[in-house]
Amino acid sequence: MFKSKNMLFLLVLSAFILVLAACGGDDDAETSTGSETSTDTETTDSGSEKADFGDVKFLSILTGGTQGTYYPLGGTFADLITTDTGVKTTAEVSQASAANMTALAAGDGEIAFVQTDIAYYATQGTLMFEGQKIDSVVALGALYPETIQLVTLADSGIKTFADLKGKKVSVGAPGSGTYANAEQLLEIHGLSIKDDIQAQNLDFGESTDGIQSGQIDAAFITAGYPTGAVEALNATNGVHIIPVEADKAAELIEKYPYYAVDNIPAGTYGLEAEVPAVSVGAMLAVNKDLPEDLVSAMTKAIYDNTDKIGHAKGEFIKAETGLDGIGIDVHPGAQRYFDEVK
């Protein structure tokens, strides 16, 4: 009897131990599963998976002055890239196209707004980049036309390029894209920056402030319209945009084929009629050593979300035209995106 009770006790104890072991095994499995879940790919604010881009934790977009078009667009692009990739991105004020190419080459930024003509000069080592060829910068994508706007006041008496002779005219910083545009347009009209005008090297905000105060007479501004600085000027003083007539536009394009015929629509800056003009292209450039997956994700973040761009130039930014007018090499990551959306 005693032996039977002992045997029964041992059987119950064994069964109890087996139950505990099974429960312990389930706990281990749950712990393991929980651990795997905690190391899944992180997600961005938009809910998409955030890829691992190696050591790249921060991106800087070089734009231009706060009163131009680059800066507000740069802020939007920075938000889109941050949201879609998880890589913190900010827009930085800069001296625009030519300075941006130099800064990218020096590693002082990762992304930059650049005029297509300036990017071409830089990669070829010509004009303002003579002897300083840049081969470490490539394209991410084309954006919109940048119109060369020759701005003055409606009551200035300056109606044509010929009227600029002897006047104080802002032509942008030496070596800037605006300076190159001013020099070439004046040349086509038989004028010289050095000999025929009193050239002033001012940024967009300084230019319009100078026009308003009477310190200068006119200013070249290369930017997508409507440009904030010109809108601000028109709010206090009526502006006049000096036209580029068709024959002069054709002559300019024949000599410098990266220009295109453009028009500033009636109603812009309160203009009563459309003004004929010329334009170059705006584009984004990047360091060529940025990871391919990151650049592809950046490109997608911008061109898949153009409906979120509030600036008027957003309507021109499209994936199907993302490679138009680009005269330099395209980053493989950007090329991959554009190939995929064809």
C-alpha atoms as a PDB file:
ATOM      1  CA  MET A   1       0.000   0.000   0.000  1.00  0.00           C
ATOM      2  CA  PHE A   2       2.826   2.324   0.976  1.00  0.00           C
ATOM      3  CA  LYS A   3       4.659   1.531  -2.237  1.00  0.00           C
ATOM      4  CA  SER A   4       1.519   2.192  -4.263  1.00  0.00           C
ATOM      5  CA  LYS A   5       1.075   5.601  -2.665  1.00  0.00           C
ATOM      6  CA  ASN A   6       4.698   6.458  -3.303  1.00  0.00           C
ATOM      7  CA  MET A   7       4.380   5.358  -6.916  1.00  0.00           C
ATOM      8  CA  LEU A   8       1.270   7.494  -7.352  1.00  0.00           C
ATOM      9  CA  PHE A   9       3.030  10.509  -5.811  1.00  0.00           C
ATOM     10  CA  LEU A  10       6.003  10.080  -8.158  1.00  0.00           C
ATOM     11  CA  LEU A  11       3.718   9.857 -11.177  1.00  0.00           C
ATOM     12  CA  VAL A  12       1.872  13.057 -10.180  1.00  0.00           C
ATOM     13  CA  LEU A  13       5.151  14.889  -9.496  1.00  0.00           C
ATOM     14  CA  SER A  14       6.543  13.823 -12.883  1.00  0.00           C
ATOM     15  CA  ALA A  15       3.431  15.047 -14.632  1.00  0.00           C
ATOM     16  CA  PHE A  16       3.664  18.387 -12.784  1.00  0.00           C
ATOM     17  CA  ILE A  17       7.312  18.826 -13.819  1.00  0.00           C
ATOM     18  CA  LEU A  18       6.432  18.097 -17.442  1.00  0.00           C
ATOM     19  CA  VAL A  19       3.681  20.740 -17.353  1.00  0.00           C
ATOM     20  CA  LEU A  20       6.103  23.302 -15.930  1.00  0.00           C
ATOM     21  CA  ALA A  21       8.648  22.485 -18.624  1.00  0.00           C
ATOM     22  CA  ALA A  22       6.055  22.909 -21.345  1.00  0.00           C
ATOM     23  CA  CYS A  23       4.979  26.249 -19.950  1.00  0.00           C
ATOM     24  CA  GLY A  24       8.580  27.352 -19.706  1.00  0.00           C
ATOM     25  CA  GLY A  25       9.107  26.401 -23.332  1.00  0.00           C
ATOM     26  CA  ASP A  26       6.111  28.509 -24.358  1.00  0.00           C
ATOM     27  CA  ASP A  27       7.477  31.486 -22.411  1.00  0.00           C
ATOM     28  CA  ASP A  28      10.806  31.147 -24.186  1.00  0.00           C
ATOM     29  CA  ALA A  29       9.071  31.043 -27.556  1.00  0.00           C
ATOM     30  CA  GLU A  30       7.053  34.162 -26.719  1.00  0.00           C
ATOM     31  CA  THR A  31      10.182  35.963 -25.541  1.00  0.00           C
ATOM     32  CA  SER A  32      11.983  35.018 -28.728  1.00  0.00           C
ATOM     33  CA  THR A  33       9.085  36.200 -30.874  1.00  0.00           C
ATOM     34  CA  GLY A  34       8.883  39.454 -28.960  1.00  0.00           C
ATOM     35  CA  SER A  35      12.589  40.012 -29.447  1.00  0.00           C
ATOM     36  CA  GLU A  36      12.277  39.481 -33.188  1.00  0.00           C
ATOM     37  CA  THR A  37       9.384  41.925 -33.388  1.00  0.00           C
ATOM     38  CA  SER A  38      11.342  44.638 -31.578  1.00  0.00           C
ATOM     39  CA  THR A  39      14.127  44.475 -34.169  1.00  0.00           C
ATOM     40  CA  ASP A  40      11.878  44.704 -37.235  1.00  0.00           C
ATOM     41  CA  THR A  41      12.609  47.515 -39.703  1.00  0.00           C
ATOM     42  CA  GLU A  42      11.626  50.877 -38.203  1.00  0.00           C
ATOM     43  CA  THR A  43       8.918  52.922 -39.834  1.00  0.00           C
ATOM     44  CA  THR A  44       8.806  56.577 -40.851  1.00  0.00           C
ATOM     45  CA  ASP A  45       6.107  59.056 -39.882  1.00  0.00           C
ATOM     46  CA  SER A  46       4.276  58.135 -43.088  1.00  0.00           C
ATOM     47  CA  GLY A  47       4.180  54.463 -42.076  1.00  0.00           C
ATOM     48  CA  SER A  48       6.635  53.258 -44.727  1.00  0.00           C
ATOM     49  CA  GLU A  49       9.674  51.180 -43.810  1.00  0.00           C
ATOM     50  CA  LYS A  50      12.836  53.106 -43.032  1.00  0.00           C
ATOM     51  CA  ALA A  51      15.813  51.553 -44.753  1.00  0.00           C
ATOM     52  CA  ASP A  52      19.324  51.477 -43.369  1.00  0.00           C
ATOM     53  CA  PHE A  53      21.420  54.086 -45.194  1.00  0.00           C
ATOM     54  CA  GLY A  54      24.649  53.363 -43.358  1.00  0.00           C
ATOM     55  CA  ASP A  55      26.397  56.331 -41.813  1.00  0.00           C
ATOM     56  CA  VAL A  56      24.068  58.911 -43.401  1.00  0.00           C
ATOM     57  CA  LYS A  57      21.967  60.291 -40.549  1.00  0.00           C
ATOM     58  CA  PHE A  58      21.549  63.866 -41.711  1.00  0.00           C
ATOM     59  CA  LEU A  59      21.195  65.655 -45.051  1.00  0.00           C
ATOM     60  CA  SER A  60      21.603  69.324 -45.893  1.00  0.00           C
ATOM     61  CA  ILE A  61      19.925  70.945 -48.914  1.00  0.00           C
ATOM     62  CA  LEU A  62      21.756  74.047 -50.137  1.00  0.00           C
ATOM     63  CA  THR A  63      19.230  76.514 -51.552  1.00  0.00           C
ATOM     64  CA  GLY A  64      19.698  80.254 -52.102  1.00  0.00           C
ATOM     65  CA  GLY A  65      18.575  83.492 -50.475  1.00  0.00           C
ATOM     66  CA  THR A  66      15.415  83.544 -48.369  1.00  0.00           C
ATOM     67  CA  GLN A  67      13.640  85.798 -50.888  1.00  0.00           C
ATOM     68  CA  GLY A  68      14.129  83.531 -53.882  1.00  0.00           C
ATOM     69  CA  THR A  69      12.400  80.337 -55.018  1.00  0.00           C
ATOM     70  CA  TYR A  70      15.028  77.797 -53.957  1.00  0.00           C
ATOM     71  CA  TYR A  71      14.656  78.378 -50.222  1.00  0.00           C
ATOM     72  CA  PRO A  72      10.897  77.775 -49.786  1.00  0.00           C
ATOM     73  CA  LEU A  73      11.008  74.789 -52.140  1.00  0.00           C
ATOM     74  CA  GLY A  74      14.038  73.471 -50.282  1.00  0.00           C
ATOM     75  CA  GLY A  75      12.063  73.521 -47.038  1.00  0.00           C
ATOM     76  CA  THR A  76       9.298  71.468 -48.652  1.00  0.00           C
ATOM     77  CA  PHE A  77      11.764  68.973 -50.133  1.00  0.00           C
ATOM     78  CA  ALA A  78      13.505  68.630 -46.766  1.00  0.00           C
ATOM     79  CA  ASP A  79      10.194  67.748 -45.108  1.00  0.00           C
ATOM     80  CA  LEU A  80       9.326  65.212 -47.818  1.00  0.00           C
ATOM     81  CA  ILE A  81      12.712  63.493 -47.600  1.00  0.00           C
ATOM     82  CA  THR A  82      12.675  63.420 -43.802  1.00  0.00           C
ATOM     83  CA  THR A  83       9.170  61.922 -43.753  1.00  0.00           C
ATOM     84  CA  ASP A  84       9.760  59.277 -46.419  1.00  0.00           C
ATOM     85  CA  THR A  85      13.324  58.192 -45.609  1.00  0.00           C
ATOM     86  CA  GLY A  86      13.657  58.887 -41.905  1.00  0.00           C
ATOM     87  CA  VAL A  87      16.893  60.778 -42.554  1.00  0.00           C
ATOM     88  CA  LYS A  88      16.695  64.226 -40.953  1.00  0.00           C
ATOM     89  CA  THR A  89      16.973  66.808 -43.739  1.00  0.00           C
ATOM     90  CA  THR A  90      17.108  70.603 -43.516  1.00  0.00           C
ATOM     91  CA  ALA A  91      17.186  73.453 -46.030  1.00  0.00           C
ATOM     92  CA  GLU A  92      20.121  75.851 -45.712  1.00  0.00           C
ATOM     93  CA  VAL A  93      20.425  79.443 -46.958  1.00  0.00           C
ATOM     94  CA  SER A  94      23.279  79.783 -49.452  1.00  0.00           C
ATOM     95  CA  GLN A  95      24.663  81.898 -52.288  1.00  0.00           C
ATOM     96  CA  ALA A  96      22.861  79.711 -54.874  1.00  0.00           C
ATOM     97  CA  SER A  97      24.006  77.902 -58.023  1.00  0.00           C
ATOM     98  CA  ALA A  98      27.747  78.432 -58.499  1.00  0.00           C
ATOM     99  CA  ALA A  99      28.467  78.554 -54.779  1.00  0.00           C
ATOM    100  CA  ASN A 100      26.320  75.458 -54.283  1.00  0.00           C
ATOM    101  CA  MET A 101      28.358  73.434 -56.782  1.00  0.00           C
ATOM    102  CA  THR A 102      31.567  74.444 -55.023  1.00  0.00           C
ATOM    103  CA  ALA A 103      30.058  73.645 -51.612  1.00  0.00           C
ATOM    104  CA  LEU A 104      28.902  70.197 -52.745  1.00  0.00           C
ATOM    105  CA  ALA A 105      32.364  69.446 -54.099  1.00  0.00           C
ATOM    106  CA  ALA A 106      33.849  70.517 -50.748  1.00  0.00           C
ATOM    107  CA  GLY A 107      31.462  68.282 -48.812  1.00  0.00           C
ATOM    108  CA  ASP A 108      29.624  71.198 -47.215  1.00  0.00           C
ATOM    109  CA  GLY A 109      26.235  69.812 -48.216  1.00  0.00           C
ATOM    110  CA  GLU A 110      24.696  66.716 -49.761  1.00  0.00           C
ATOM    111  CA  ILE A 111      21.965  68.138 -52.027  1.00  0.00           C
ATOM    112  CA  ALA A 112      21.765  71.490 -53.802  1.00  0.00           C
ATOM    113  CA  PHE A 113      19.627  73.590 -56.100  1.00  0.00           C
ATOM    114  CA  VAL A 114      21.584  74.517 -59.217  1.00  0.00           C
ATOM    115  CA  GLN A 115      20.858  76.057 -62.591  1.00  0.00           C
ATOM    116  CA  THR A 116      21.376  73.559 -65.399  1.00  0.00           C
ATOM    117  CA  ASP A 117      23.792  75.867 -67.192  1.00  0.00           C
ATOM    118  CA  ILE A 118      25.924  76.352 -64.067  1.00  0.00           C
ATOM    119  CA  ALA A 119      26.042  72.614 -63.402  1.00  0.00           C
ATOM    120  CA  TYR A 120      27.274  72.123 -66.954  1.00  0.00           C
ATOM    121  CA  TYR A 121      29.977  74.801 -66.602  1.00  0.00           C
ATOM    122  CA  ALA A 122      31.159  73.213 -63.349  1.00  0.00           C
ATOM    123  CA  THR A 123      31.461  69.684 -64.699  1.00  0.00           C
ATOM    124  CA  GLN A 124      33.214  70.961 -67.824  1.00  0.00           C
ATOM    125  CA  GLY A 125      35.530  73.355 -65.989  1.00  0.00           C
ATOM    126  CA  THR A 126      34.517  76.357 -68.102  1.00  0.00           C
ATOM    127  CA  LEU A 127      33.579  80.019 -67.517  1.00  0.00           C
ATOM    128  CA  MET A 128      33.497  80.726 -63.759  1.00  0.00           C
ATOM    129  CA  PHE A 129      34.863  77.206 -63.157  1.00  0.00           C
ATOM    130  CA  GLU A 130      37.849  77.618 -65.474  1.00  0.00           C
ATOM    131  CA  GLY A 131      40.625  75.465 -64.029  1.00  0.00           C
ATOM    132  CA  GLN A 132      38.326  74.210 -61.257  1.00  0.00           C
ATOM    133  CA  LYS A 133      36.466  71.332 -62.889  1.00  0.00           C
ATOM    134  CA  ILE A 134      34.078  69.533 -60.531  1.00  0.00           C
ATOM    135  CA  ASP A 135      33.690  65.793 -61.085  1.00  0.00           C
ATOM    136  CA  SER A 136      32.236  64.761 -57.720  1.00  0.00           C
ATOM    137  CA  VAL A 137      28.714  66.130 -58.305  1.00  0.00           C
ATOM    138  CA  VAL A 138      25.917  64.535 -60.323  1.00  0.00           C
ATOM    139  CA  ALA A 139      22.230  65.224 -60.986  1.00  0.00           C
ATOM    140  CA  LEU A 140      19.224  64.062 -58.998  1.00  0.00           C
ATOM    141  CA  GLY A 141      16.568  65.547 -61.262  1.00  0.00           C
ATOM    142  CA  ALA A 142      15.197  68.511 -63.209  1.00  0.00           C
ATOM    143  CA  LEU A 143      12.664  70.806 -61.554  1.00  0.00           C
ATOM    144  CA  TYR A 144      11.241  73.830 -63.402  1.00  0.00           C
ATOM    145  CA  PRO A 145      12.189  76.730 -65.692  1.00  0.00           C
ATOM    146  CA  GLU A 146      14.137  79.547 -64.052  1.00  0.00           C
ATOM    147  CA  THR A 147      13.199  82.764 -65.754  1.00  0.00           C
ATOM    148  CA  ILE A 148      15.703  85.582 -66.146  1.00  0.00           C
ATOM    149  CA  GLN A 149      13.687  88.561 -64.902  1.00  0.00           C
ATOM    150  CA  LEU A 150      15.052  92.052 -65.508  1.00  0.00           C
ATOM    151  CA  VAL A 151      13.152  94.059 -62.913  1.00  0.00           C
ATOM    152  CA  THR A 152      12.688  97.801 -62.549  1.00  0.00           C
ATOM    153  CA  LEU A 153       9.937 100.133 -61.361  1.00  0.00           C
ATOM    154  CA  ALA A 154       7.018 100.910 -63.638  1.00  0.00           C
ATOM    155  CA  ASP A 155       7.808 104.634 -63.451  1.00  0.00           C
ATOM    156  CA  SER A 156      11.603 104.282 -63.870  1.00  0.00           C
ATOM    157  CA  GLY A 157      11.562 105.165 -67.568  1.00  0.00           C
ATOM    158  CA  ILE A 158      13.536 101.976 -68.322  1.00  0.00           C
ATOM    159  CA  LYS A 159      11.596 100.055 -70.940  1.00  0.00           C
ATOM    160  CA  THR A 160      14.284  98.240 -72.959  1.00  0.00           C
ATOM    161  CA  PHE A 161      17.792  96.838 -72.560  1.00  0.00           C
ATOM    162  CA  ALA A 162      19.137  99.896 -74.353  1.00  0.00           C
ATOM    163  CA  ASP A 163      17.761 102.060 -71.539  1.00  0.00           C
ATOM    164  CA  LEU A 164      20.104 100.338 -69.077  1.00  0.00           C
ATOM    165  CA  LYS A 165      23.156 102.144 -70.410  1.00  0.00           C
ATOM    166  CA  GLY A 166      24.812 104.135 -67.647  1.00  0.00           C
ATOM    167  CA  LYS A 167      22.344 102.876 -65.028  1.00  0.00           C
ATOM    168  CA  LYS A 168      23.023 101.117 -61.727  1.00  0.00           C
ATOM    169  CA  VAL A 169      22.033  97.511 -62.313  1.00  0.00           C
ATOM    170  CA  SER A 170      22.298  94.546 -59.954  1.00  0.00           C
ATOM    171  CA  VAL A 171      23.812  91.569 -61.776  1.00  0.00           C
ATOM    172  CA  GLY A 172      24.226  89.141 -58.867  1.00  0.00           C
ATOM    173  CA  ALA A 173      27.429  88.011 -57.222  1.00  0.00           C
ATOM    174  CA  PRO A 174      30.464  87.471 -59.488  1.00  0.00           C
ATOM    175  CA  GLY A 175      30.528  83.819 -60.500  1.00  0.00           C
ATOM    176  CA  SER A 176      26.843  83.306 -59.741  1.00  0.00           C
ATOM    177  CA  GLY A 177      24.310  81.936 -62.189  1.00  0.00           C
ATOM    178  CA  THR A 178      22.536  85.277 -62.261  1.00  0.00           C
ATOM    179  CA  TYR A 179      25.800  87.035 -63.137  1.00  0.00           C
ATOM    180  CA  ALA A 180      26.396  84.676 -66.078  1.00  0.00           C
ATOM    181  CA  ASN A 181      22.830  85.205 -67.320  1.00  0.00           C
ATOM    182  CA  ALA A 182      23.133  88.982 -67.014  1.00  0.00           C
ATOM    183  CA  GLU A 183      26.451  89.012 -68.842  1.00  0.00           C
ATOM    184  CA  GLN A 184      25.133  86.906 -71.725  1.00  0.00           C
ATOM    185  CA  LEU A 185      21.862  88.793 -72.122  1.00  0.00           C
ATOM    186  CA  LEU A 186      23.629  92.146 -72.061  1.00  0.00           C
ATOM    187  CA  GLU A 187      26.114  90.841 -74.634  1.00  0.00           C
ATOM    188  CA  ILE A 188      23.300  89.849 -77.014  1.00  0.00           C
ATOM    189  CA  HIS A 189      21.902  93.372 -76.653  1.00  0.00           C
ATOM    190  CA  GLY A 190      25.266  94.975 -77.423  1.00  0.00           C
ATOM    191  CA  LEU A 191      26.072  95.930 -73.833  1.00  0.00           C
ATOM    192  CA  SER A 192      28.905  95.094 -71.466  1.00  0.00           C
ATOM    193  CA  ILE A 193      28.755  94.617 -67.694  1.00  0.00           C
ATOM    194  CA  LYS A 194      32.108  96.345 -67.302  1.00  0.00           C
ATOM    195  CA  ASP A 195      31.702  99.232 -69.725  1.00  0.00           C
ATOM    196  CA  ASP A 196      28.037 100.083 -70.223  1.00  0.00           C
ATOM    197  CA  ILE A 197      26.346  99.792 -66.834  1.00  0.00           C
ATOM    198  CA  GLN A 198      27.233 100.473 -63.211  1.00  0.00           C
ATOM    199  CA  ALA A 199      27.141  96.863 -62.076  1.00  0.00           C
ATOM    200  CA  GLN A 200      26.075  96.110 -58.504  1.00  0.00           C
ATOM    201  CA  ASN A 201      26.646  92.686 -56.947  1.00  0.00           C
ATOM    202  CA  LEU A 202      23.536  92.167 -54.824  1.00  0.00           C
ATOM    203  CA  ASP A 203      21.332  89.223 -53.889  1.00  0.00           C
ATOM    204  CA  PHE A 204      17.608  89.202 -54.694  1.00  0.00           C
ATOM    205  CA  GLY A 205      16.445  90.836 -51.468  1.00  0.00           C
ATOM    206  CA  GLU A 206      19.159  93.487 -51.607  1.00  0.00           C
ATOM    207  CA  SER A 207      18.319  94.142 -55.243  1.00  0.00           C
ATOM    208  CA  THR A 208      14.635  94.808 -54.689  1.00  0.00           C
ATOM    209  CA  ASP A 209      15.391  96.838 -51.545  1.00  0.00           C
ATOM    210  CA  GLY A 210      17.845  98.883 -53.625  1.00  0.00           C
ATOM    211  CA  ILE A 211      15.271  99.468 -56.362  1.00  0.00           C
ATOM    212  CA  GLN A 212      12.675 100.531 -53.806  1.00  0.00           C
ATOM    213  CA  SER A 213      15.058 102.962 -52.092  1.00  0.00           C
ATOM    214  CA  GLY A 214      16.313 104.390 -55.395  1.00  0.00           C
ATOM    215  CA  GLN A 215      19.898 103.234 -54.836  1.00  0.00           C
ATOM    216  CA  ILE A 216      19.815 101.124 -58.011  1.00  0.00           C
ATOM    217  CA  ASP A 217      17.718 101.303 -61.163  1.00  0.00           C
ATOM    218  CA  ALA A 218      17.171  97.686 -62.155  1.00  0.00           C
ATOM    219  CA  ALA A 219      18.131  94.132 -61.266  1.00  0.00           C
ATOM    220  CA  PHE A 220      18.603  90.777 -62.959  1.00  0.00           C
ATOM    221  CA  ILE A 221      16.861  88.045 -60.990  1.00  0.00           C
ATOM    222  CA  THR A 222      17.081  84.449 -62.181  1.00  0.00           C
ATOM    223  CA  ALA A 223      14.404  82.478 -60.369  1.00  0.00           C
ATOM    224  CA  GLY A 224      11.099  80.774 -60.831  1.00  0.00           C
ATOM    225  CA  TYR A 225       8.251  83.246 -60.925  1.00  0.00           C
ATOM    226  CA  PRO A 226       6.563  84.449 -58.843  1.00  0.00           C
ATOM    227  CA  THR A 227       9.723  85.339 -56.915  1.00  0.00           C
ATOM    228  CA  GLY A 228       9.164  86.442 -53.328  1.00  0.00           C
ATOM    229  CA  ALA A 229      11.491  89.447 -53.521  1.00  0.00           C
ATOM    230  CA  VAL A 230       9.758  90.789 -56.635  1.00  0.00           C
ATOM    231  CA  GLU A 231       6.306  90.179 -55.157  1.00  0.00           C
ATOM    232  CA  ALA A 232       7.332  92.150 -52.066  1.00  0.00           C
ATOM    233  CA  LEU A 233       8.571  95.021 -54.240  1.00  0.00           C
ATOM    234  CA  ASN A 234       5.382  95.062 -56.284  1.00  0.00           C
ATOM    235  CA  ALA A 235       3.325  95.233 -53.087  1.00  0.00           C
ATOM    236  CA  THR A 236       4.783  98.692 -52.394  1.00  0.00           C
ATOM    237  CA  ASN A 237       5.827  99.876 -55.861  1.00  0.00           C
ATOM    238  CA  GLY A 238       4.518  98.791 -59.242  1.00  0.00           C
ATOM    239  CA  VAL A 239       7.159  96.824 -61.142  1.00  0.00           C
ATOM    240  CA  HIS A 240       8.059  96.539 -64.807  1.00  0.00           C
ATOM    241  CA  ILE A 241       9.779  93.486 -66.316  1.00  0.00           C
ATOM    242  CA  ILE A 242      11.928  94.412 -69.316  1.00  0.00           C
ATOM    243  CA  PRO A 243      11.103  92.049 -72.202  1.00  0.00           C
ATOM    244  CA  VAL A 244      13.490  89.914 -74.244  1.00  0.00           C
ATOM    245  CA  GLU A 245      12.195  90.247 -77.785  1.00  0.00           C
ATOM    246  CA  ALA A 246      11.881  87.167 -80.009  1.00  0.00           C
ATOM    247  CA  ASP A 247      14.820  87.978 -82.301  1.00  0.00           C
ATOM    248  CA  LYS A 248      17.151  88.520 -79.343  1.00  0.00           C
ATOM    249  CA  ALA A 249      15.937  85.344 -77.658  1.00  0.00           C
ATOM    250  CA  ALA A 250      16.693  83.389 -80.846  1.00  0.00           C
ATOM    251  CA  GLU A 251      20.167  84.943 -81.052  1.00  0.00           C
ATOM    252  CA  LEU A 252      20.856  84.081 -77.424  1.00  0.00           C
ATOM    253  CA  ILE A 253      19.702  80.473 -77.805  1.00  0.00           C
ATOM    254  CA  GLU A 254      21.762  80.003 -80.965  1.00  0.00           C
ATOM    255  CA  LYS A 255      24.919  80.968 -79.064  1.00  0.00           C
ATOM    256  CA  TYR A 256      23.983  79.457 -75.687  1.00  0.00           C
ATOM    257  CA  PRO A 257      21.675  76.484 -76.355  1.00  0.00           C
ATOM    258  CA  TYR A 258      20.855  75.804 -72.684  1.00  0.00           C
ATOM    259  CA  TYR A 259      18.461  78.783 -72.758  1.00  0.00           C
ATOM    260  CA  ALA A 260      14.798  78.411 -73.719  1.00  0.00           C
ATOM    261  CA  VAL A 261      12.042  80.832 -74.728  1.00  0.00           C
ATOM    262  CA  ASP A 262       9.784  81.663 -71.784  1.00  0.00           C
ATOM    263  CA  ASN A 263       6.977  84.070 -70.864  1.00  0.00           C
ATOM    264  CA  ILE A 264       5.931  85.701 -67.618  1.00  0.00           C
ATOM    265  CA  PRO A 265       2.120  85.494 -67.608  1.00  0.00           C
ATOM    266  CA  ALA A 266      -0.150  88.498 -67.281  1.00  0.00           C
ATOM    267  CA  GLY A 267      -1.210  88.964 -63.698  1.00  0.00           C
ATOM    268  CA  THR A 268       2.175  87.957 -62.298  1.00  0.00           C
ATOM    269  CA  TYR A 269       3.388  90.880 -60.173  1.00  0.00           C
ATOM    270  CA  GLY A 270       0.293  92.740 -61.335  1.00  0.00           C
ATOM    271  CA  LEU A 271       1.500  92.805 -64.967  1.00  0.00           C
ATOM    272  CA  GLU A 272      -1.223  93.777 -67.408  1.00  0.00           C
ATOM    273  CA  ALA A 273       0.187  91.722 -70.279  1.00  0.00           C
ATOM    274  CA  GLU A 274       2.405  88.709 -70.829  1.00  0.00           C
ATOM    275  CA  VAL A 275       6.129  89.549 -70.946  1.00  0.00           C
ATOM    276  CA  PRO A 276       8.451  87.607 -73.290  1.00  0.00           C
ATOM    277  CA  ALA A 277      11.535  86.277 -71.513  1.00  0.00           C
ATOM    278  CA  VAL A 278      14.106  83.481 -71.554  1.00  0.00           C
ATOM    279  CA  SER A 279      14.893  80.831 -68.983  1.00  0.00           C
ATOM    280  CA  VAL A 280      17.362  78.180 -67.927  1.00  0.00           C
ATOM    281  CA  GLY A 281      16.423  75.114 -65.893  1.00  0.00           C
ATOM    282  CA  ALA A 282      16.486  74.525 -62.159  1.00  0.00           C
ATOM    283  CA  MET A 283      17.705  71.125 -61.009  1.00  0.00           C
ATOM    284  CA  LEU A 284      18.855  69.268 -57.919  1.00  0.00           C
ATOM    285  CA  ALA A 285      22.441  68.052 -57.721  1.00  0.00           C
ATOM    286  CA  VAL A 286      23.934  65.624 -55.199  1.00  0.00           C
ATOM    287  CA  ASN A 287      27.276  64.252 -54.122  1.00  0.00           C
ATOM    288  CA  LYS A 288      28.046  61.259 -56.333  1.00  0.00           C
ATOM    289  CA  ASP A 289      29.164  59.140 -53.348  1.00  0.00           C
ATOM    290  CA  LEU A 290      25.756  59.192 -51.617  1.00  0.00           C
ATOM    291  CA  PRO A 291      24.357  55.626 -51.343  1.00  0.00           C
ATOM    292  CA  GLU A 292      22.312  54.552 -54.333  1.00  0.00           C
ATOM    293  CA  ASP A 293      19.370  53.360 -52.234  1.00  0.00           C
ATOM    294  CA  LEU A 294      19.263  56.669 -50.369  1.00  0.00           C
ATOM    295  CA  VAL A 295      19.273  58.788 -53.530  1.00  0.00           C
ATOM    296  CA  SER A 296      16.573  56.583 -55.044  1.00  0.00           C
ATOM    297  CA  ALA A 297      14.473  57.071 -51.900  1.00  0.00           C
ATOM    298  CA  MET A 298      15.112  60.832 -51.914  1.00  0.00           C
ATOM    299  CA  THR A 299      14.085  61.097 -55.559  1.00  0.00           C
ATOM    300  CA  LYS A 300      10.934  59.104 -54.899  1.00  0.00           C
ATOM    301  CA  ALA A 301      10.106  61.269 -51.874  1.00  0.00           C
ATOM    302  CA  ILE A 302      10.112  64.407 -54.044  1.00  0.00           C
ATOM    303  CA  TYR A 303       8.646  63.244 -57.347  1.00  0.00           C
ATOM    304  CA  ASP A 304       5.979  60.963 -55.845  1.00  0.00           C
ATOM    305  CA  ASN A 305       4.707  63.796 -53.650  1.00  0.00           C
ATOM    306  CA  THR A 306       4.531  66.796 -55.954  1.00  0.00           C
ATOM    307  CA  ASP A 307       0.910  67.306 -54.895  1.00  0.00           C
ATOM    308  CA  LYS A 308       2.288  68.391 -51.511  1.00  0.00           C
ATOM    309  CA  ILE A 309       4.376  71.222 -52.998  1.00  0.00           C
ATOM    310  CA  GLY A 310       2.569  74.472 -52.230  1.00  0.00           C
ATOM    311  CA  HIS A 311       4.753  76.795 -54.333  1.00  0.00           C
ATOM    312  CA  ALA A 312       3.479  77.747 -57.791  1.00  0.00           C
ATOM    313  CA  LYS A 313       6.500  76.032 -59.379  1.00  0.00           C
ATOM    314  CA  GLY A 314       5.294  72.702 -58.025  1.00  0.00           C
ATOM    315  CA  GLU A 315       3.119  72.229 -61.110  1.00  0.00           C
ATOM    316  CA  PHE A 316       6.264  71.994 -63.271  1.00  0.00           C
ATOM    317  CA  ILE A 317       7.950  69.295 -61.152  1.00  0.00           C
ATOM    318  CA  LYS A 318       7.030  65.932 -62.657  1.00  0.00           C
ATOM    319  CA  ALA A 319       8.647  62.519 -62.772  1.00  0.00           C
ATOM    320  CA  GLU A 320       8.092  62.285 -66.530  1.00  0.00           C
ATOM    321  CA  THR A 321      10.202  65.411 -67.101  1.00  0.00           C
ATOM    322  CA  GLY A 322      12.681  64.713 -64.314  1.00  0.00           C
ATOM    323  CA  LEU A 323      15.589  64.189 -66.702  1.00  0.00           C
ATOM    324  CA  ASP A 324      14.761  66.930 -69.220  1.00  0.00           C
ATOM    325  CA  GLY A 325      17.449  69.525 -69.886  1.00  0.00           C
ATOM    326  CA  ILE A 326      20.072  67.932 -67.655  1.00  0.00           C
ATOM    327  CA  GLY A 327      23.524  68.163 -69.209  1.00  0.00           C
ATOM    328  CA  ILE A 328      25.518  66.297 -66.540  1.00  0.00           C
ATOM    329  CA  ASP A 329      25.655  62.697 -65.327  1.00  0.00           C
ATOM    330  CA  VAL A 330      22.700  61.424 -63.286  1.00  0.00           C
ATOM    331  CA  HIS A 331      23.190  59.614 -59.972  1.00  0.00           C
ATOM    332  CA  PRO A 332      22.471  55.861 -60.377  1.00  0.00           C
ATOM    333  CA  GLY A 333      19.915  56.007 -57.564  1.00  0.00           C
ATOM    334  CA  ALA A 334      17.948  58.770 -59.283  1.00  0.00           C
ATOM    335  CA  GLN A 335      18.262  57.048 -62.651  1.00  0.00           C
ATOM    336  CA  ARG A 336      16.846  53.885 -61.092  1.00  0.00           C
ATOM    337  CA  TYR A 337      13.787  55.761 -59.826  1.00  0.00           C
ATOM    338  CA  PHE A 338      13.092  57.435 -63.179  1.00  0.00           C
ATOM    339  CA  ASP A 339      13.539  54.126 -65.017  1.00  0.00           C
ATOM    340  CA  GLU A 340      11.017  52.511 -62.689  1.00  0.00           C
ATOM    341  CA  VAL A 341       8.334  55.157 -63.196  1.00  0.00           C
ATOM    342  CA  LYS A 342       8.542  55.245 -66.990  1.00  0.00           C
END
